[in-house]
Amino acid sequence: MNDAAGTGAHAEGRAGTDGQAGAGGPEGARDSLGQEGARDSLGLEAALARAPLVLDGGLSNQLEDAGHDLGDTLWSARLLAEHPDAIRSAHLAYYEAGADVAITASYQATFEGFARHGIDALSTAELLRLSVELAREAAELAGADRPLWVAASAGPYGAMLADGSEYRGRYGLSVADLERFHRPRLEVLSDAAPDVFALETVPDTDEARALLRAVRGLGVPAWLSYSVSGDRTRAGQPLEDAFALAAEADEVVAVGVNCCDPRDADAAVPLAARVTGKPVVVYPNSGETWNPATRSWHGPTRFTAGQVDGWRRSGARLIGGCCRVGPGAIAKVAEEIHG
């Protein structure tokens, strides 16, 4: 797994109306925007049944390339308050590169995390909603002749701790504790009417269970994506068992892996398809290795557009990149998928 411990390497990613839910709440907002051409009013699940979609790449590397320092515990979520225009521009770069789906800058945005920086609950809720609105605005600015989608990111509990435990799991918390942590921000994100929740970089099955419970009744579909090492979750559970948790979850429209070595994705994609019978989501890292001591990346890039066809033939319907995968690589993925 090629990651930085906690604050430097996860490709959290992840556009326009004012983000208000229209008549009928969030679902009404999704349908009304789809009629304007920014999204498909039939829903993401129907879109996946028709053709694969291209995900974006790493939001953090795009922001760092633009000169922004993401070295604190809020990571790119801090820019929601300080430089929202930078986040909008990063989303736009991926849409213009050919991405169909942008993942919001809410991966590390939590009530607890913002509170540690003196940001109250009301302001935190506004920033969470803003993360979806910025991606919506970017979709409008892209002016694409295809539907564009917004995935509201919810990272694991360990991302809030910013101590590397997001890649280990096993926090010593119960499933109920984790559900209580995740539910409030998911409720707020649902108010902003994203097309889908990205329950991403999940390191263990306890947190997966908690997230699957936390999204119930919110009216927003979800994908569930694990961070993995070989054929196991980062916490060491068999990946087959981890995928099976999503098989009967009605809210889950796709299941798969992210923030992993591209070589691990090769085996995970067909396994997820076989175990769940659902569309597969896959967005691995570049393949480089993060050195936390020097806070730098090393080694070769292993993510290539040439892998896309194999993933697609194995059941992948949402394909993109995570850490260190930029717009250039996503453009090549889009060429493979859309021609």
C-alpha atoms as a PDB file:
ATOM      1  CA  MET A   1       0.000   0.000   0.000  1.00  0.00           C
ATOM      2  CA  ASN A   2       1.427   3.315  -1.013  1.00  0.00           C
ATOM      3  CA  ASP A   3       0.281   5.897   1.448  1.00  0.00           C
ATOM      4  CA  ALA A   4       1.417   8.508   3.874  1.00  0.00           C
ATOM      5  CA  ALA A   5       0.447   8.012   7.461  1.00  0.00           C
ATOM      6  CA  GLY A   6      -2.582  10.162   8.000  1.00  0.00           C
ATOM      7  CA  THR A   7      -2.121  13.546   6.443  1.00  0.00           C
ATOM      8  CA  GLY A   8      -0.167  13.528   3.234  1.00  0.00           C
ATOM      9  CA  ALA A   9      -0.993  10.788   0.834  1.00  0.00           C
ATOM     10  CA  HIS A  10      -4.598   9.754   0.572  1.00  0.00           C
ATOM     11  CA  ALA A  11      -6.090  10.993  -2.676  1.00  0.00           C
ATOM     12  CA  GLU A  12      -9.168  12.343  -1.117  1.00  0.00           C
ATOM     13  CA  GLY A  13     -10.835  13.582  -3.839  1.00  0.00           C
ATOM     14  CA  ARG A  14     -13.007  14.033  -4.175  1.00  0.00           C
ATOM     15  CA  ALA A  15     -20.007  20.736  -9.013  1.00  0.00           C
ATOM     16  CA  GLY A  16     -23.728  24.027 -10.241  1.00  0.00           C
ATOM     17  CA  THR A  17     -26.424  25.109  -8.270  1.00  0.00           C
ATOM     18  CA  ASP A  18     -26.473  26.545  -4.806  1.00  0.00           C
ATOM     19  CA  GLY A  19     -26.572  23.014  -3.407  1.00  0.00           C
ATOM     20  CA  GLN A  20     -30.038  23.413  -1.893  1.00  0.00           C
ATOM     21  CA  ALA A  21     -32.334  20.428  -2.041  1.00  0.00           C
ATOM     22  CA  GLY A  22     -35.212  21.117  -4.367  1.00  0.00           C
ATOM     23  CA  ALA A  23     -38.782  19.994  -4.077  1.00  0.00           C
ATOM     24  CA  GLY A  24     -38.872  16.602  -2.484  1.00  0.00           C
ATOM     25  CA  GLY A  25     -35.534  16.969  -0.680  1.00  0.00           C
ATOM     26  CA  PRO A  26     -32.187  15.698  -1.906  1.00  0.00           C
ATOM     27  CA  GLU A  27     -33.713  13.258  -4.386  1.00  0.00           C
ATOM     28  CA  GLY A  28     -35.706  16.065  -5.950  1.00  0.00           C
ATOM     29  CA  ALA A  29     -32.566  18.150  -6.238  1.00  0.00           C
ATOM     30  CA  ARG A  30     -30.746  15.340  -8.013  1.00  0.00           C
ATOM     31  CA  ASP A  31     -33.554  14.903 -10.524  1.00  0.00           C
ATOM     32  CA  SER A  32     -33.992  18.607 -11.253  1.00  0.00           C
ATOM     33  CA  LEU A  33     -30.296  19.112 -11.862  1.00  0.00           C
ATOM     34  CA  GLY A  34     -30.205  16.099 -14.119  1.00  0.00           C
ATOM     35  CA  GLN A  35     -32.817  17.738 -16.342  1.00  0.00           C
ATOM     36  CA  GLU A  36     -30.395  20.634 -16.848  1.00  0.00           C
ATOM     37  CA  GLY A  37     -27.842  18.238 -18.299  1.00  0.00           C
ATOM     38  CA  ALA A  38     -25.262  18.269 -15.514  1.00  0.00           C
ATOM     39  CA  ARG A  39     -26.415  14.862 -14.333  1.00  0.00           C
ATOM     40  CA  ASP A  40     -28.463  11.908 -15.442  1.00  0.00           C
ATOM     41  CA  SER A  41     -31.909  12.067 -13.848  1.00  0.00           C
ATOM     42  CA  LEU A  42     -32.269   8.291 -14.157  1.00  0.00           C
ATOM     43  CA  GLY A  43     -29.701   7.860 -11.402  1.00  0.00           C
ATOM     44  CA  LEU A  44     -26.187   6.579 -11.091  1.00  0.00           C
ATOM     45  CA  GLU A  45     -27.194   2.945 -10.753  1.00  0.00           C
ATOM     46  CA  ALA A  46     -28.958   3.072 -14.117  1.00  0.00           C
ATOM     47  CA  ALA A  47     -25.970   4.813 -15.664  1.00  0.00           C
ATOM     48  CA  LEU A  48     -23.646   2.071 -14.439  1.00  0.00           C
ATOM     49  CA  ALA A  49     -25.884  -0.529 -16.039  1.00  0.00           C
ATOM     50  CA  ARG A  50     -25.384   1.190 -19.396  1.00  0.00           C
ATOM     51  CA  ALA A  51     -21.642   1.861 -19.444  1.00  0.00           C
ATOM     52  CA  PRO A  52     -18.555   2.265 -17.250  1.00  0.00           C
ATOM     53  CA  LEU A  53     -17.870   5.704 -15.785  1.00  0.00           C
ATOM     54  CA  VAL A  54     -14.556   7.468 -15.226  1.00  0.00           C
ATOM     55  CA  LEU A  55     -13.665   8.610 -11.716  1.00  0.00           C
ATOM     56  CA  ASP A  56     -11.319  11.479 -10.971  1.00  0.00           C
ATOM     57  CA  GLY A  57      -7.809  11.134  -9.523  1.00  0.00           C
ATOM     58  CA  GLY A  58      -6.112  12.445  -6.417  1.00  0.00           C
ATOM     59  CA  LEU A  59      -7.510  15.762  -5.223  1.00  0.00           C
ATOM     60  CA  SER A  60      -4.646  16.306  -2.800  1.00  0.00           C
ATOM     61  CA  ASN A  61      -1.894  16.006  -5.410  1.00  0.00           C
ATOM     62  CA  GLN A  62      -3.769  18.412  -7.682  1.00  0.00           C
ATOM     63  CA  LEU A  63      -4.018  20.951  -4.858  1.00  0.00           C
ATOM     64  CA  GLU A  64      -0.384  20.524  -3.868  1.00  0.00           C
ATOM     65  CA  ASP A  65       0.687  20.987  -7.485  1.00  0.00           C
ATOM     66  CA  ALA A  66      -1.178  24.316  -7.362  1.00  0.00           C
ATOM     67  CA  GLY A  67       1.002  25.382  -4.420  1.00  0.00           C
ATOM     68  CA  HIS A  68      -1.251  24.636  -1.448  1.00  0.00           C
ATOM     69  CA  ASP A  69       0.212  23.245   1.774  1.00  0.00           C
ATOM     70  CA  LEU A  70      -1.823  20.280   3.020  1.00  0.00           C
ATOM     71  CA  GLY A  71       0.453  19.449   5.919  1.00  0.00           C
ATOM     72  CA  ASP A  72      -1.971  19.761   8.830  1.00  0.00           C
ATOM     73  CA  THR A  73      -4.467  17.286  10.251  1.00  0.00           C
ATOM     74  CA  LEU A  74      -7.403  18.654   8.254  1.00  0.00           C
ATOM     75  CA  TRP A  75      -5.533  18.005   5.019  1.00  0.00           C
ATOM     76  CA  SER A  76      -7.433  19.262   1.962  1.00  0.00           C
ATOM     77  CA  ALA A  77     -10.587  19.804   4.054  1.00  0.00           C
ATOM     78  CA  ARG A  78      -8.923  22.955   5.420  1.00  0.00           C
ATOM     79  CA  LEU A  79      -9.156  24.515   1.961  1.00  0.00           C
ATOM     80  CA  LEU A  80     -12.944  24.310   2.114  1.00  0.00           C
ATOM     81  CA  ALA A  81     -12.746  27.257   4.504  1.00  0.00           C
ATOM     82  CA  GLU A  82      -9.616  29.001   3.239  1.00  0.00           C
ATOM     83  CA  HIS A  83      -9.448  28.425  -0.535  1.00  0.00           C
ATOM     84  CA  PRO A  84     -12.688  26.926  -1.866  1.00  0.00           C
ATOM     85  CA  ASP A  85     -11.844  28.246  -5.331  1.00  0.00           C
ATOM     86  CA  ALA A  86      -8.817  25.937  -5.404  1.00  0.00           C
ATOM     87  CA  ILE A  87     -10.999  22.914  -4.743  1.00  0.00           C
ATOM     88  CA  ARG A  88     -13.440  23.962  -7.467  1.00  0.00           C
ATOM     89  CA  SER A  89     -10.555  24.355  -9.907  1.00  0.00           C
ATOM     90  CA  ALA A  90      -9.163  20.931  -9.024  1.00  0.00           C
ATOM     91  CA  HIS A  91     -12.534  19.291  -9.661  1.00  0.00           C
ATOM     92  CA  LEU A  92     -12.818  21.170 -12.944  1.00  0.00           C
ATOM     93  CA  ALA A  93      -9.410  19.910 -14.087  1.00  0.00           C
ATOM     94  CA  TYR A  94     -10.582  16.329 -13.675  1.00  0.00           C
ATOM     95  CA  TYR A  95     -13.937  16.889 -15.377  1.00  0.00           C
ATOM     96  CA  GLU A  96     -12.127  18.532 -18.285  1.00  0.00           C
ATOM     97  CA  ALA A  97      -9.724  15.586 -18.418  1.00  0.00           C
ATOM     98  CA  GLY A  98     -12.686  13.282 -18.997  1.00  0.00           C
ATOM     99  CA  ALA A  99     -13.818  12.235 -15.520  1.00  0.00           C
ATOM    100  CA  ASP A 100     -17.540  11.574 -15.194  1.00  0.00           C
ATOM    101  CA  VAL A 101     -17.484  11.560 -11.383  1.00  0.00           C
ATOM    102  CA  ALA A 102     -15.768  13.956  -8.967  1.00  0.00           C
ATOM    103  CA  ILE A 103     -15.188  12.955  -5.348  1.00  0.00           C
ATOM    104  CA  THR A 104     -15.646  15.793  -2.856  1.00  0.00           C
ATOM    105  CA  ALA A 105     -13.091  17.289  -0.473  1.00  0.00           C
ATOM    106  CA  SER A 106     -14.890  15.860   2.567  1.00  0.00           C
ATOM    107  CA  TYR A 107     -12.768  12.744   3.132  1.00  0.00           C
ATOM    108  CA  GLN A 108     -11.148  14.233   6.230  1.00  0.00           C
ATOM    109  CA  ALA A 109     -13.981  16.663   7.057  1.00  0.00           C
ATOM    110  CA  THR A 110     -15.624  15.663  10.327  1.00  0.00           C
ATOM    111  CA  PHE A 111     -17.297  17.461  13.217  1.00  0.00           C
ATOM    112  CA  GLU A 112     -14.638  16.165  15.597  1.00  0.00           C
ATOM    113  CA  GLY A 113     -11.728  17.084  13.350  1.00  0.00           C
ATOM    114  CA  PHE A 114     -12.931  20.621  12.707  1.00  0.00           C
ATOM    115  CA  ALA A 115     -13.720  21.094  16.413  1.00  0.00           C
ATOM    116  CA  ARG A 116     -10.056  20.490  17.199  1.00  0.00           C
ATOM    117  CA  HIS A 117      -9.320  23.526  15.037  1.00  0.00           C
ATOM    118  CA  GLY A 118     -11.915  25.705  16.766  1.00  0.00           C
ATOM    119  CA  ILE A 119     -14.608  25.354  14.102  1.00  0.00           C
ATOM    120  CA  ASP A 120     -18.083  24.921  15.576  1.00  0.00           C
ATOM    121  CA  ALA A 121     -20.697  22.397  14.486  1.00  0.00           C
ATOM    122  CA  LEU A 122     -22.780  24.879  12.474  1.00  0.00           C
ATOM    123  CA  SER A 123     -19.764  26.023  10.479  1.00  0.00           C
ATOM    124  CA  THR A 124     -18.661  22.428   9.974  1.00  0.00           C
ATOM    125  CA  ALA A 125     -22.048  21.542   8.517  1.00  0.00           C
ATOM    126  CA  GLU A 126     -21.775  24.493   6.133  1.00  0.00           C
ATOM    127  CA  LEU A 127     -18.335  23.323   5.002  1.00  0.00           C
ATOM    128  CA  LEU A 128     -19.552  19.772   4.450  1.00  0.00           C
ATOM    129  CA  ARG A 129     -22.378  21.026   2.244  1.00  0.00           C
ATOM    130  CA  LEU A 130     -19.939  23.336   0.485  1.00  0.00           C
ATOM    131  CA  SER A 131     -17.793  20.363  -0.504  1.00  0.00           C
ATOM    132  CA  VAL A 132     -20.673  19.040  -2.613  1.00  0.00           C
ATOM    133  CA  GLU A 133     -21.591  22.470  -3.963  1.00  0.00           C
ATOM    134  CA  LEU A 134     -18.037  23.105  -5.195  1.00  0.00           C
ATOM    135  CA  ALA A 135     -18.032  19.874  -7.169  1.00  0.00           C
ATOM    136  CA  ARG A 136     -21.446  20.774  -8.622  1.00  0.00           C
ATOM    137  CA  GLU A 137     -20.177  24.189  -9.661  1.00  0.00           C
ATOM    138  CA  ALA A 138     -17.185  22.592 -11.358  1.00  0.00           C
ATOM    139  CA  ALA A 139     -19.521  20.301 -13.295  1.00  0.00           C
ATOM    140  CA  GLU A 140     -21.461  23.305 -14.547  1.00  0.00           C
ATOM    141  CA  LEU A 141     -18.273  25.117 -15.498  1.00  0.00           C
ATOM    142  CA  ALA A 142     -17.081  22.062 -17.426  1.00  0.00           C
ATOM    143  CA  GLY A 143     -20.008  22.474 -19.818  1.00  0.00           C
ATOM    144  CA  ALA A 144     -19.763  18.820 -20.815  1.00  0.00           C
ATOM    145  CA  ASP A 145     -22.143  17.196 -23.267  1.00  0.00           C
ATOM    146  CA  ARG A 146     -22.368  14.133 -21.013  1.00  0.00           C
ATOM    147  CA  PRO A 147     -23.850  13.649 -17.539  1.00  0.00           C
ATOM    148  CA  LEU A 148     -21.462  14.530 -14.715  1.00  0.00           C
ATOM    149  CA  TRP A 149     -21.747  13.187 -11.194  1.00  0.00           C
ATOM    150  CA  VAL A 150     -20.707  14.117  -7.654  1.00  0.00           C
ATOM    151  CA  ALA A 151     -19.657  11.583  -5.025  1.00  0.00           C
ATOM    152  CA  ALA A 152     -19.624  12.795  -1.413  1.00  0.00           C
ATOM    153  CA  SER A 153     -16.541  11.347   0.247  1.00  0.00           C
ATOM    154  CA  ALA A 154     -16.644   9.831   3.716  1.00  0.00           C
ATOM    155  CA  GLY A 155     -13.260   8.597   4.852  1.00  0.00           C
ATOM    156  CA  PRO A 156     -12.628   6.263   7.777  1.00  0.00           C
ATOM    157  CA  TYR A 157     -12.490   7.194  11.451  1.00  0.00           C
ATOM    158  CA  GLY A 158      -8.705   7.009  11.377  1.00  0.00           C
ATOM    159  CA  ALA A 159      -8.537   9.845   8.856  1.00  0.00           C
ATOM    160  CA  MET A 160      -9.818  12.178  11.583  1.00  0.00           C
ATOM    161  CA  LEU A 161      -7.104  10.943  13.949  1.00  0.00           C
ATOM    162  CA  ALA A 162      -4.459  11.729  11.303  1.00  0.00           C
ATOM    163  CA  ASP A 163      -2.049   9.254  12.866  1.00  0.00           C
ATOM    164  CA  GLY A 164      -1.911   6.625  10.144  1.00  0.00           C
ATOM    165  CA  SER A 165      -4.572   4.407  11.715  1.00  0.00           C
ATOM    166  CA  GLU A 166      -6.826   4.932   8.703  1.00  0.00           C
ATOM    167  CA  TYR A 167      -4.562   2.372   7.024  1.00  0.00           C
ATOM    168  CA  ARG A 168      -4.649  -0.090   9.920  1.00  0.00           C
ATOM    169  CA  GLY A 169      -8.171  -0.031  11.333  1.00  0.00           C
ATOM    170  CA  ARG A 170      -8.708  -1.824  14.632  1.00  0.00           C
ATOM    171  CA  TYR A 171      -9.419   1.397  16.524  1.00  0.00           C
ATOM    172  CA  GLY A 172     -10.733  -0.314  19.647  1.00  0.00           C
ATOM    173  CA  LEU A 173     -14.224   1.049  18.977  1.00  0.00           C
ATOM    174  CA  SER A 174     -17.439  -0.902  18.555  1.00  0.00           C
ATOM    175  CA  VAL A 175     -19.473  -0.915  15.359  1.00  0.00           C
ATOM    176  CA  ALA A 176     -22.070   1.190  17.196  1.00  0.00           C
ATOM    177  CA  ASP A 177     -19.404   3.731  18.186  1.00  0.00           C
ATOM    178  CA  LEU A 178     -18.238   4.021  14.588  1.00  0.00           C
ATOM    179  CA  GLU A 179     -21.798   4.375  13.325  1.00  0.00           C
ATOM    180  CA  ARG A 180     -22.380   7.256  15.765  1.00  0.00           C
ATOM    181  CA  PHE A 181     -19.224   8.919  14.442  1.00  0.00           C
ATOM    182  CA  HIS A 182     -20.140   8.628  10.758  1.00  0.00           C
ATOM    183  CA  ARG A 183     -23.911   9.239  10.765  1.00  0.00           C
ATOM    184  CA  PRO A 184     -23.990  13.009  11.520  1.00  0.00           C
ATOM    185  CA  ARG A 185     -21.729  14.057   8.657  1.00  0.00           C
ATOM    186  CA  LEU A 186     -23.456  11.675   6.252  1.00  0.00           C
ATOM    187  CA  GLU A 187     -26.782  13.281   7.177  1.00  0.00           C
ATOM    188  CA  VAL A 188     -25.371  16.732   6.410  1.00  0.00           C
ATOM    189  CA  LEU A 189     -23.776  15.586   3.160  1.00  0.00           C
ATOM    190  CA  SER A 190     -27.079  14.039   2.074  1.00  0.00           C
ATOM    191  CA  ASP A 191     -28.756  17.438   2.534  1.00  0.00           C
ATOM    192  CA  ALA A 192     -26.510  18.771  -0.247  1.00  0.00           C
ATOM    193  CA  ALA A 193     -27.872  16.124  -2.641  1.00  0.00           C
ATOM    194  CA  PRO A 194     -24.798  14.294  -3.914  1.00  0.00           C
ATOM    195  CA  ASP A 195     -25.410  11.581  -6.463  1.00  0.00           C
ATOM    196  CA  VAL A 196     -23.671   8.957  -4.366  1.00  0.00           C
ATOM    197  CA  PHE A 197     -21.669   8.517  -1.177  1.00  0.00           C
ATOM    198  CA  ALA A 198     -18.054   7.400  -1.583  1.00  0.00           C
ATOM    199  CA  LEU A 199     -17.450   5.308   1.539  1.00  0.00           C
ATOM    200  CA  GLU A 200     -13.776   5.018   0.821  1.00  0.00           C
ATOM    201  CA  THR A 201     -10.413   3.779   2.055  1.00  0.00           C
ATOM    202  CA  VAL A 202     -12.192   1.562   4.580  1.00  0.00           C
ATOM    203  CA  PRO A 203      -9.525  -0.452   6.428  1.00  0.00           C
ATOM    204  CA  ASP A 204     -11.576  -3.128   8.159  1.00  0.00           C
ATOM    205  CA  THR A 205     -14.900  -4.907   8.260  1.00  0.00           C
ATOM    206  CA  ASP A 206     -16.108  -3.348  11.524  1.00  0.00           C
ATOM    207  CA  GLU A 207     -15.961   0.095   9.957  1.00  0.00           C
ATOM    208  CA  ALA A 208     -17.624  -1.218   6.805  1.00  0.00           C
ATOM    209  CA  ARG A 209     -20.515  -2.531   8.896  1.00  0.00           C
ATOM    210  CA  ALA A 210     -20.796   0.828  10.653  1.00  0.00           C
ATOM    211  CA  LEU A 211     -20.825   2.778   7.392  1.00  0.00           C
ATOM    212  CA  LEU A 212     -23.419   0.495   5.829  1.00  0.00           C
ATOM    213  CA  ARG A 213     -25.658   1.117   8.840  1.00  0.00           C
ATOM    214  CA  ALA A 214     -24.959   4.846   8.818  1.00  0.00           C
ATOM    215  CA  VAL A 215     -26.179   5.394   5.236  1.00  0.00           C
ATOM    216  CA  ARG A 216     -29.512   3.675   5.743  1.00  0.00           C
ATOM    217  CA  GLY A 217     -32.554   5.835   5.184  1.00  0.00           C
ATOM    218  CA  LEU A 218     -30.682   8.837   3.778  1.00  0.00           C
ATOM    219  CA  GLY A 219     -31.945   8.429   0.221  1.00  0.00           C
ATOM    220  CA  VAL A 220     -28.456   8.516  -1.307  1.00  0.00           C
ATOM    221  CA  PRO A 221     -26.836   5.424  -2.861  1.00  0.00           C
ATOM    222  CA  ALA A 222     -23.290   4.532  -1.884  1.00  0.00           C
ATOM    223  CA  TRP A 223     -20.231   2.731  -3.023  1.00  0.00           C
ATOM    224  CA  LEU A 224     -18.066   0.885  -0.508  1.00  0.00           C
ATOM    225  CA  SER A 225     -14.339   0.828  -1.203  1.00  0.00           C
ATOM    226  CA  TYR A 226     -11.672  -0.855   0.895  1.00  0.00           C
ATOM    227  CA  SER A 227      -7.986  -0.078   1.227  1.00  0.00           C
ATOM    228  CA  VAL A 228      -6.220  -3.400   0.835  1.00  0.00           C
ATOM    229  CA  SER A 229      -2.904  -5.177   0.913  1.00  0.00           C
ATOM    230  CA  GLY A 230      -2.810  -8.283  -1.221  1.00  0.00           C
ATOM    231  CA  ASP A 231      -5.985 -10.304  -0.697  1.00  0.00           C
ATOM    232  CA  ARG A 232      -6.815  -8.780   2.682  1.00  0.00           C
ATOM    233  CA  THR A 233      -8.100  -5.557   4.141  1.00  0.00           C
ATOM    234  CA  ARG A 234      -5.538  -3.315   5.753  1.00  0.00           C
ATOM    235  CA  ALA A 235      -6.675  -4.744   9.096  1.00  0.00           C
ATOM    236  CA  GLY A 236      -5.920  -8.249   7.842  1.00  0.00           C
ATOM    237  CA  GLN A 237      -9.395  -9.665   7.180  1.00  0.00           C
ATOM    238  CA  PRO A 238      -9.969 -11.795   4.060  1.00  0.00           C
ATOM    239  CA  LEU A 239     -11.128  -9.534   1.276  1.00  0.00           C
ATOM    240  CA  GLU A 240     -13.766 -12.034   0.207  1.00  0.00           C
ATOM    241  CA  ASP A 241     -15.459 -11.700   3.606  1.00  0.00           C
ATOM    242  CA  ALA A 242     -15.172  -7.918   3.475  1.00  0.00           C
ATOM    243  CA  PHE A 243     -16.846  -7.685   0.071  1.00  0.00           C
ATOM    244  CA  ALA A 244     -19.613 -10.051   1.160  1.00  0.00           C
ATOM    245  CA  LEU A 245     -20.876  -7.482   3.678  1.00  0.00           C
ATOM    246  CA  ALA A 246     -22.114  -5.325   0.793  1.00  0.00           C
ATOM    247  CA  ALA A 247     -23.754  -8.099  -1.214  1.00  0.00           C
ATOM    248  CA  GLU A 248     -27.218  -7.658   0.313  1.00  0.00           C
ATOM    249  CA  ALA A 249     -26.997  -3.936   1.097  1.00  0.00           C
ATOM    250  CA  ASP A 250     -29.615  -2.213  -1.045  1.00  0.00           C
ATOM    251  CA  GLU A 251     -27.927   1.176  -0.646  1.00  0.00           C
ATOM    252  CA  VAL A 252     -24.670  -0.059  -2.198  1.00  0.00           C
ATOM    253  CA  VAL A 253     -24.466   0.386  -5.966  1.00  0.00           C
ATOM    254  CA  ALA A 254     -20.788  -0.583  -6.278  1.00  0.00           C
ATOM    255  CA  VAL A 255     -18.080  -2.196  -4.185  1.00  0.00           C
ATOM    256  CA  GLY A 256     -14.339  -2.387  -4.628  1.00  0.00           C
ATOM    257  CA  VAL A 257     -10.950  -0.975  -3.663  1.00  0.00           C
ATOM    258  CA  ASN A 258      -9.024   2.283  -3.637  1.00  0.00           C
ATOM    259  CA  CYS A 259      -5.799   3.765  -2.282  1.00  0.00           C
ATOM    260  CA  CYS A 260      -3.903   0.560  -2.988  1.00  0.00           C
ATOM    261  CA  ASP A 261      -1.176  -0.721  -5.256  1.00  0.00           C
ATOM    262  CA  PRO A 262      -2.527  -1.157  -8.808  1.00  0.00           C
ATOM    263  CA  ARG A 263      -1.316  -4.754  -8.723  1.00  0.00           C
ATOM    264  CA  ASP A 264      -3.596  -5.487  -5.764  1.00  0.00           C
ATOM    265  CA  ALA A 265      -6.517  -4.076  -7.735  1.00  0.00           C
ATOM    266  CA  ASP A 266      -5.991  -6.631 -10.495  1.00  0.00           C
ATOM    267  CA  ALA A 267      -7.084  -9.479  -8.214  1.00  0.00           C
ATOM    268  CA  ALA A 268      -9.593  -7.520  -6.130  1.00  0.00           C
ATOM    269  CA  VAL A 269     -11.833  -6.460  -9.030  1.00  0.00           C
ATOM    270  CA  PRO A 270     -12.933  -9.939 -10.173  1.00  0.00           C
ATOM    271  CA  LEU A 271     -13.250 -11.050  -6.545  1.00  0.00           C
ATOM    272  CA  ALA A 272     -15.595  -8.166  -5.700  1.00  0.00           C
ATOM    273  CA  ALA A 273     -17.704  -8.899  -8.768  1.00  0.00           C
ATOM    274  CA  ARG A 274     -17.961 -12.597  -7.978  1.00  0.00           C
ATOM    275  CA  VAL A 275     -18.751 -12.197  -4.285  1.00  0.00           C
ATOM    276  CA  THR A 276     -21.306  -9.394  -4.544  1.00  0.00           C
ATOM    277  CA  GLY A 277     -22.745  -9.525  -8.058  1.00  0.00           C
ATOM    278  CA  LYS A 278     -22.562  -5.733  -8.019  1.00  0.00           C
ATOM    279  CA  PRO A 279     -20.677  -3.262 -10.225  1.00  0.00           C
ATOM    280  CA  VAL A 280     -17.094  -2.794  -9.077  1.00  0.00           C
ATOM    281  CA  VAL A 281     -15.364   0.481  -8.224  1.00  0.00           C
ATOM    282  CA  VAL A 282     -11.584   0.639  -8.540  1.00  0.00           C
ATOM    283  CA  TYR A 283      -9.244   3.602  -8.093  1.00  0.00           C
ATOM    284  CA  PRO A 284      -5.743   2.619  -6.984  1.00  0.00           C
ATOM    285  CA  ASN A 285      -2.724   4.768  -6.246  1.00  0.00           C
ATOM    286  CA  SER A 286       0.028   5.470  -8.749  1.00  0.00           C
ATOM    287  CA  GLY A 287       2.150   2.649  -7.345  1.00  0.00           C
ATOM    288  CA  GLU A 288       4.823   4.897  -5.871  1.00  0.00           C
ATOM    289  CA  THR A 289       5.806   4.457  -2.226  1.00  0.00           C
ATOM    290  CA  TRP A 290       5.414   7.146   0.440  1.00  0.00           C
ATOM    291  CA  ASN A 291       8.320   7.711   2.832  1.00  0.00           C
ATOM    292  CA  PRO A 292       6.889   9.313   6.006  1.00  0.00           C
ATOM    293  CA  ALA A 293      10.344  10.248   7.286  1.00  0.00           C
ATOM    294  CA  THR A 294      11.227  12.358   4.251  1.00  0.00           C
ATOM    295  CA  ARG A 295       7.571  13.092   3.370  1.00  0.00           C
ATOM    296  CA  SER A 296       8.253  12.236  -0.241  1.00  0.00           C
ATOM    297  CA  TRP A 297       7.314   9.659  -2.858  1.00  0.00           C
ATOM    298  CA  HIS A 298       9.705   7.112  -4.331  1.00  0.00           C
ATOM    299  CA  GLY A 299       9.727   4.320  -6.872  1.00  0.00           C
ATOM    300  CA  PRO A 300       8.074   3.722 -10.223  1.00  0.00           C
ATOM    301  CA  THR A 301       4.562   4.600 -11.298  1.00  0.00           C
ATOM    302  CA  ARG A 302       2.631   1.397 -11.918  1.00  0.00           C
ATOM    303  CA  PHE A 303      -0.785   2.867 -12.694  1.00  0.00           C
ATOM    304  CA  THR A 304      -1.374   2.693 -16.448  1.00  0.00           C
ATOM    305  CA  ALA A 305      -4.399   3.120 -18.676  1.00  0.00           C
ATOM    306  CA  GLY A 306      -3.515  -0.262 -20.118  1.00  0.00           C
ATOM    307  CA  GLN A 307      -4.883  -1.903 -16.959  1.00  0.00           C
ATOM    308  CA  VAL A 308      -8.323  -0.426 -17.514  1.00  0.00           C
ATOM    309  CA  ASP A 309      -9.495  -2.979 -20.055  1.00  0.00           C
ATOM    310  CA  GLY A 310      -8.706  -5.859 -17.722  1.00  0.00           C
ATOM    311  CA  TRP A 311     -10.542  -4.227 -14.832  1.00  0.00           C
ATOM    312  CA  ARG A 312     -13.518  -3.472 -17.056  1.00  0.00           C
ATOM    313  CA  ARG A 313     -13.703  -7.044 -18.371  1.00  0.00           C
ATOM    314  CA  SER A 314     -13.591  -8.268 -14.759  1.00  0.00           C
ATOM    315  CA  GLY A 315     -16.606  -6.195 -13.704  1.00  0.00           C
ATOM    316  CA  ALA A 316     -15.356  -2.677 -12.981  1.00  0.00           C
ATOM    317  CA  ARG A 317     -17.859   0.067 -13.833  1.00  0.00           C
ATOM    318  CA  LEU A 318     -16.310   2.987 -11.914  1.00  0.00           C
ATOM    319  CA  ILE A 319     -12.625   3.381 -12.767  1.00  0.00           C
ATOM    320  CA  GLY A 320     -10.204   6.129 -11.753  1.00  0.00           C
ATOM    321  CA  GLY A 321      -7.176   6.863  -9.616  1.00  0.00           C
ATOM    322  CA  CYS A 322      -6.235   7.764  -6.073  1.00  0.00           C
ATOM    323  CA  CYS A 323      -2.933   9.033  -4.627  1.00  0.00           C
ATOM    324  CA  ARG A 324      -0.573  10.572  -7.175  1.00  0.00           C
ATOM    325  CA  VAL A 325      -2.869   9.923 -10.126  1.00  0.00           C
ATOM    326  CA  GLY A 326      -3.461  13.251 -11.866  1.00  0.00           C
ATOM    327  CA  PRO A 327      -5.572  14.659 -14.715  1.00  0.00           C
ATOM    328  CA  GLY A 328      -3.125  13.426 -17.351  1.00  0.00           C
ATOM    329  CA  ALA A 329      -3.568   9.818 -16.273  1.00  0.00           C
ATOM    330  CA  ILE A 330      -7.336  10.240 -15.963  1.00  0.00           C
ATOM    331  CA  ALA A 331      -7.458  11.588 -19.528  1.00  0.00           C
ATOM    332  CA  LYS A 332      -5.870   8.340 -20.689  1.00  0.00           C
ATOM    333  CA  VAL A 333      -8.362   6.303 -18.644  1.00  0.00           C
ATOM    334  CA  ALA A 334     -11.208   8.262 -20.233  1.00  0.00           C
ATOM    335  CA  GLU A 335      -9.798   7.543 -23.682  1.00  0.00           C
ATOM    336  CA  GLU A 336      -9.762   3.828 -22.881  1.00  0.00           C
ATOM    337  CA  ILE A 337     -13.338   3.857 -21.584  1.00  0.00           C
ATOM    338  CA  HIS A 338     -15.072   6.374 -23.827  1.00  0.00           C
ATOM    339  CA  GLY A 339     -12.830   6.207 -26.895  1.00  0.00           C
END
